[in-house]
Amino acid sequence: MAKIQRKLSGDYETILKKIEDGILDGSISATLEDQSDFNNGKIKCSVRVFERYSFFGKNRVSLNVTLLQSNDKDIWLSAITSGGSRAIFIKFNTLSEQAFLNKLIDVLDNKKTDNK
């Protein structure tokens, strides 16, 4: 697994849309598998689960992104990848997971990610 956690600033909905669009536009095989949203006035939480095919690993890799806004300005992001290995007992190929996470990092850092 690969993971990042960050504190972000800006408009919550704009950041969420930027993440969704950036991940989906960043890989021809990327899909949004499911999503969940909670809003309780001052608290917002969004979960997105993306998948894409890894040509290197010849398997699918998932990326779970959670955004949490606990007040009007602080936005927290947690992103975790999984599924980047074809091994049965020992996980030895995590390059696909890190590459998928790097797409998200590029989106967050405003780097070009369109690979279509």
C-alpha atoms as a PDB file:
ATOM      1  CA  MET A   1       0.000   0.000   0.000  1.00  0.00           C
ATOM      2  CA  ALA A   2       0.933   3.595  -0.548  1.00  0.00           C
ATOM      3  CA  LYS A   3      -0.562   6.457   1.452  1.00  0.00           C
ATOM      4  CA  ILE A   4      -0.558  10.235   1.740  1.00  0.00           C
ATOM      5  CA  GLN A   5      -2.218  12.564   4.203  1.00  0.00           C
ATOM      6  CA  ARG A   6      -2.421  16.306   3.705  1.00  0.00           C
ATOM      7  CA  LYS A   7      -4.040  19.404   5.094  1.00  0.00           C
ATOM      8  CA  LEU A   8      -5.514  21.418   2.231  1.00  0.00           C
ATOM      9  CA  SER A   9      -7.026  24.855   1.916  1.00  0.00           C
ATOM     10  CA  GLY A  10      -9.552  26.202  -0.540  1.00  0.00           C
ATOM     11  CA  ASP A  11     -13.123  25.478  -1.510  1.00  0.00           C
ATOM     12  CA  TYR A  12     -14.141  21.925  -0.534  1.00  0.00           C
ATOM     13  CA  GLU A  13     -16.311  21.253  -3.599  1.00  0.00           C
ATOM     14  CA  THR A  14     -13.679  22.664  -5.970  1.00  0.00           C
ATOM     15  CA  ILE A  15     -10.974  20.451  -4.464  1.00  0.00           C
ATOM     16  CA  LEU A  16     -13.191  17.361  -4.655  1.00  0.00           C
ATOM     17  CA  LYS A  17     -14.043  18.025  -8.319  1.00  0.00           C
ATOM     18  CA  LYS A  18     -10.382  18.672  -9.129  1.00  0.00           C
ATOM     19  CA  ILE A  19      -9.448  15.303  -7.602  1.00  0.00           C
ATOM     20  CA  GLU A  20     -12.224  13.433  -9.421  1.00  0.00           C
ATOM     21  CA  ASP A  21     -11.476  15.021 -12.795  1.00  0.00           C
ATOM     22  CA  GLY A  22      -7.712  14.744 -12.385  1.00  0.00           C
ATOM     23  CA  ILE A  23      -7.764  11.041 -11.542  1.00  0.00           C
ATOM     24  CA  LEU A  24     -10.253  10.143 -14.264  1.00  0.00           C
ATOM     25  CA  ASP A  25      -8.418  12.227 -16.884  1.00  0.00           C
ATOM     26  CA  GLY A  26      -5.022  10.952 -15.722  1.00  0.00           C
ATOM     27  CA  SER A  27      -5.434   7.393 -16.972  1.00  0.00           C
ATOM     28  CA  ILE A  28      -7.390   5.904 -19.845  1.00  0.00           C
ATOM     29  CA  SER A  29      -8.474   2.975 -17.659  1.00  0.00           C
ATOM     30  CA  ALA A  30      -9.335   4.956 -14.490  1.00  0.00           C
ATOM     31  CA  THR A  31     -12.901   4.626 -13.213  1.00  0.00           C
ATOM     32  CA  LEU A  32     -14.818   5.962 -10.246  1.00  0.00           C
ATOM     33  CA  GLU A  33     -16.085   2.747  -8.670  1.00  0.00           C
ATOM     34  CA  ASP A  34     -18.167   4.236  -5.862  1.00  0.00           C
ATOM     35  CA  GLN A  35     -18.601   7.311  -3.719  1.00  0.00           C
ATOM     36  CA  SER A  36     -20.107   8.416  -0.446  1.00  0.00           C
ATOM     37  CA  ASP A  37     -20.837  11.901   0.911  1.00  0.00           C
ATOM     38  CA  PHE A  38     -21.851  13.142   4.344  1.00  0.00           C
ATOM     39  CA  ASN A  39     -22.762  16.699   5.300  1.00  0.00           C
ATOM     40  CA  ASN A  40     -23.697  17.738   8.812  1.00  0.00           C
ATOM     41  CA  GLY A  41     -23.613  21.511   8.630  1.00  0.00           C
ATOM     42  CA  LYS A  42     -20.033  22.242   9.684  1.00  0.00           C
ATOM     43  CA  ILE A  43     -18.720  18.763   8.881  1.00  0.00           C
ATOM     44  CA  LYS A  44     -18.320  17.429   5.337  1.00  0.00           C
ATOM     45  CA  CYS A  45     -16.868  14.062   4.425  1.00  0.00           C
ATOM     46  CA  SER A  46     -16.444  12.567   0.951  1.00  0.00           C
ATOM     47  CA  VAL A  47     -15.068   9.147   0.066  1.00  0.00           C
ATOM     48  CA  ARG A  48     -14.122   8.194  -3.480  1.00  0.00           C
ATOM     49  CA  VAL A  49     -12.895   4.800  -4.652  1.00  0.00           C
ATOM     50  CA  PHE A  50     -11.093   4.789  -7.991  1.00  0.00           C
ATOM     51  CA  GLU A  51      -9.634   1.873  -9.943  1.00  0.00           C
ATOM     52  CA  ARG A  52      -7.332   1.648 -12.905  1.00  0.00           C
ATOM     53  CA  TYR A  53      -5.546  -1.060 -14.828  1.00  0.00           C
ATOM     54  CA  SER A  54      -1.808  -1.327 -14.283  1.00  0.00           C
ATOM     55  CA  PHE A  55      -0.005  -2.399 -17.444  1.00  0.00           C
ATOM     56  CA  PHE A  56       3.175  -2.962 -15.439  1.00  0.00           C
ATOM     57  CA  GLY A  57       1.540  -5.225 -12.855  1.00  0.00           C
ATOM     58  CA  LYS A  58      -1.109  -6.589 -15.244  1.00  0.00           C
ATOM     59  CA  ASN A  59      -3.782  -6.104 -12.586  1.00  0.00           C
ATOM     60  CA  ARG A  60      -6.173  -3.483 -11.237  1.00  0.00           C
ATOM     61  CA  VAL A  61      -5.167  -1.017  -8.543  1.00  0.00           C
ATOM     62  CA  SER A  62      -7.551   0.903  -6.299  1.00  0.00           C
ATOM     63  CA  LEU A  63      -7.228   4.369  -4.805  1.00  0.00           C
ATOM     64  CA  ASN A  64      -9.400   5.385  -1.862  1.00  0.00           C
ATOM     65  CA  VAL A  65      -9.597   9.150  -1.303  1.00  0.00           C
ATOM     66  CA  THR A  66     -11.248  10.658   1.779  1.00  0.00           C
ATOM     67  CA  LEU A  67     -11.797  14.393   2.238  1.00  0.00           C
ATOM     68  CA  LEU A  68     -12.936  15.796   5.569  1.00  0.00           C
ATOM     69  CA  GLN A  69     -13.788  19.402   6.386  1.00  0.00           C
ATOM     70  CA  SER A  70     -14.301  19.929  10.087  1.00  0.00           C
ATOM     71  CA  ASN A  71     -14.942  23.674   9.999  1.00  0.00           C
ATOM     72  CA  ASP A  72     -15.160  26.372   7.389  1.00  0.00           C
ATOM     73  CA  LYS A  73     -11.494  26.259   6.358  1.00  0.00           C
ATOM     74  CA  ASP A  74      -9.533  23.126   7.315  1.00  0.00           C
ATOM     75  CA  ILE A  75      -9.746  20.305   4.770  1.00  0.00           C
ATOM     76  CA  TRP A  76      -8.008  17.002   5.449  1.00  0.00           C
ATOM     77  CA  LEU A  77      -7.164  14.444   2.783  1.00  0.00           C
ATOM     78  CA  SER A  78      -6.248  10.804   3.258  1.00  0.00           C
ATOM     79  CA  ALA A  79      -5.501   8.639   0.227  1.00  0.00           C
ATOM     80  CA  ILE A  80      -4.565   4.953   0.257  1.00  0.00           C
ATOM     81  CA  THR A  81      -3.880   2.619  -2.655  1.00  0.00           C
ATOM     82  CA  SER A  82      -4.232  -1.148  -2.744  1.00  0.00           C
ATOM     83  CA  GLY A  83      -4.030  -4.096  -5.107  1.00  0.00           C
ATOM     84  CA  GLY A  84      -0.699  -3.545  -6.803  1.00  0.00           C
ATOM     85  CA  SER A  85       0.694  -7.045  -6.364  1.00  0.00           C
ATOM     86  CA  ARG A  86      -0.028 -10.404  -7.970  1.00  0.00           C
ATOM     87  CA  ALA A  87       1.748 -12.395  -5.274  1.00  0.00           C
ATOM     88  CA  ILE A  88      -0.250 -14.753  -3.061  1.00  0.00           C
ATOM     89  CA  PHE A  89       1.613 -14.569   0.239  1.00  0.00           C
ATOM     90  CA  ILE A  90       4.204 -11.801  -0.036  1.00  0.00           C
ATOM     91  CA  LYS A  91       3.505  -8.407  -1.511  1.00  0.00           C
ATOM     92  CA  PHE A  92       6.535  -7.553  -3.603  1.00  0.00           C
ATOM     93  CA  ASN A  93       5.252  -5.352  -6.455  1.00  0.00           C
ATOM     94  CA  THR A  94       3.923  -2.068  -5.141  1.00  0.00           C
ATOM     95  CA  LEU A  95       5.088   0.105  -8.062  1.00  0.00           C
ATOM     96  CA  SER A  96       1.572   0.212  -9.528  1.00  0.00           C
ATOM     97  CA  GLU A  97       0.136   1.470  -6.249  1.00  0.00           C
ATOM     98  CA  GLN A  98       2.737   4.215  -5.924  1.00  0.00           C
ATOM     99  CA  ALA A  99       2.220   5.264  -9.551  1.00  0.00           C
ATOM    100  CA  PHE A 100      -1.538   5.624  -8.966  1.00  0.00           C
ATOM    101  CA  LEU A 101      -0.933   7.647  -5.823  1.00  0.00           C
ATOM    102  CA  ASN A 102       1.537   9.818  -7.746  1.00  0.00           C
ATOM    103  CA  LYS A 103      -1.314  10.766 -10.111  1.00  0.00           C
ATOM    104  CA  LEU A 104      -3.225  12.160  -7.143  1.00  0.00           C
ATOM    105  CA  ILE A 105      -0.126  13.987  -5.887  1.00  0.00           C
ATOM    106  CA  ASP A 106       0.284  15.549  -9.343  1.00  0.00           C
ATOM    107  CA  VAL A 107      -3.359  16.684  -9.262  1.00  0.00           C
ATOM    108  CA  LEU A 108      -2.953  18.196  -5.803  1.00  0.00           C
ATOM    109  CA  ASP A 109       0.285  19.906  -6.813  1.00  0.00           C
ATOM    110  CA  ASN A 110      -1.282  21.245 -10.057  1.00  0.00           C
ATOM    111  CA  LYS A 111       0.913  19.206 -12.367  1.00  0.00           C
ATOM    112  CA  LYS A 112      -0.330  18.024 -15.763  1.00  0.00           C
ATOM    113  CA  THR A 113      -1.756  14.473 -15.514  1.00  0.00           C
ATOM    114  CA  ASP A 114      -3.628  13.877 -18.798  1.00  0.00           C
ATOM    115  CA  ASN A 115      -2.337  10.573 -20.216  1.00  0.00           C
ATOM    116  CA  LYS A 116      -5.193   9.760 -22.576  1.00  0.00           C
END
